[in-house]
Protein backbone atom coordinates (compact mmCIF):
# COMPACT_ATOMS: atom_id res chain seq x y z
CA MET A 1 15.83 -14.24 -12.14
CA GLY A 2 14.13 -15.71 -9.10
CA VAL A 3 13.54 -14.33 -5.63
CA LYS A 4 16.54 -16.17 -4.17
CA GLU A 5 18.87 -14.57 -6.73
CA ILE A 6 17.40 -11.16 -5.97
CA GLU A 7 17.83 -11.71 -2.24
CA ASP A 8 21.45 -12.74 -2.77
CA ALA A 9 22.12 -9.66 -4.94
CA ILE A 10 20.58 -7.40 -2.28
CA THR A 11 22.89 -8.77 0.41
CA ARG A 12 25.85 -7.69 -1.72
CA LEU A 13 24.72 -4.09 -2.23
CA PRO A 14 26.73 -1.28 -0.66
CA ASP A 15 24.86 0.59 2.07
CA ASN A 16 24.05 3.61 -0.09
CA GLU A 17 22.57 1.45 -2.86
CA LEU A 18 20.61 -0.59 -0.33
CA ALA A 19 19.11 2.64 1.04
CA GLU A 20 18.23 3.70 -2.51
CA LEU A 21 16.59 0.33 -3.19
CA MET A 22 14.62 0.47 0.05
CA ALA A 23 13.30 3.95 -0.80
CA TRP A 24 12.30 2.74 -4.27
CA LEU A 25 10.56 -0.35 -2.85
CA GLN A 26 8.60 1.76 -0.39
CA GLU A 27 7.42 4.09 -3.17
CA TYR A 28 6.59 1.12 -5.39
CA HIS A 29 4.62 -0.52 -2.58
CA HIS A 30 2.59 2.69 -2.15
CA THR A 31 1.87 2.73 -5.90
CA VAL A 32 0.68 -0.88 -5.84
CA TRP A 33 -1.49 -0.17 -2.77
CA ASP A 34 -3.04 2.88 -4.44
CA ARG A 35 -3.86 0.83 -7.55
CA GLN A 36 -5.50 -1.86 -5.38
CA ILE A 37 -7.64 0.72 -3.54
CA GLU A 38 -8.69 2.31 -6.84
CA ASN A 39 -9.58 -1.10 -8.25
CA ASP A 40 -11.55 -2.00 -5.12
CA LEU A 41 -13.46 1.28 -5.34
CA GLU A 42 -14.22 0.78 -9.05
CA THR A 43 -15.45 -2.78 -8.56
CA GLY A 44 -17.60 -1.93 -5.54
CA ARG A 45 -15.62 -4.01 -3.06
CA LEU A 46 -15.58 -1.10 -0.60
CA ASP A 47 -19.23 -0.06 -1.00
CA SER A 48 -20.48 -1.73 2.18
CA LEU A 49 -17.62 -0.24 4.19
CA LEU A 50 -18.32 3.23 2.79
CA VAL A 51 -22.01 2.90 3.71
CA GLU A 52 -21.03 1.94 7.25
CA VAL A 53 -18.65 4.89 7.53
CA GLU A 54 -21.34 7.27 6.26
CA ARG A 55 -23.81 5.93 8.86
CA GLU A 56 -21.30 6.38 11.66
CA TYR A 57 -20.49 9.89 10.48
CA GLU A 58 -24.15 10.88 10.32
CA ALA A 59 -24.73 9.39 13.79
CA GLY A 60 -21.91 11.53 15.18
CA SER A 61 -19.72 8.51 15.94
CA ALA A 62 -16.82 9.71 13.78
CA GLN A 63 -13.65 10.83 15.51
CA PRO A 64 -11.19 13.25 13.93
CA LEU A 65 -7.88 11.65 13.03
């Protein structure tokens, strides 16, 4: 099944099933994002950013969220 067929099927969903699908997609997207961050941390892709954050924190430049 291709994307076009999936899009067409989605347009035919009743409102309650569309809401259910949207909630599932949001949760799935978060899962994929978490996996990507974990992979980036494991491979060192975020090391330079983490060093910069640590420097800013130690310099007192950090702002509470």
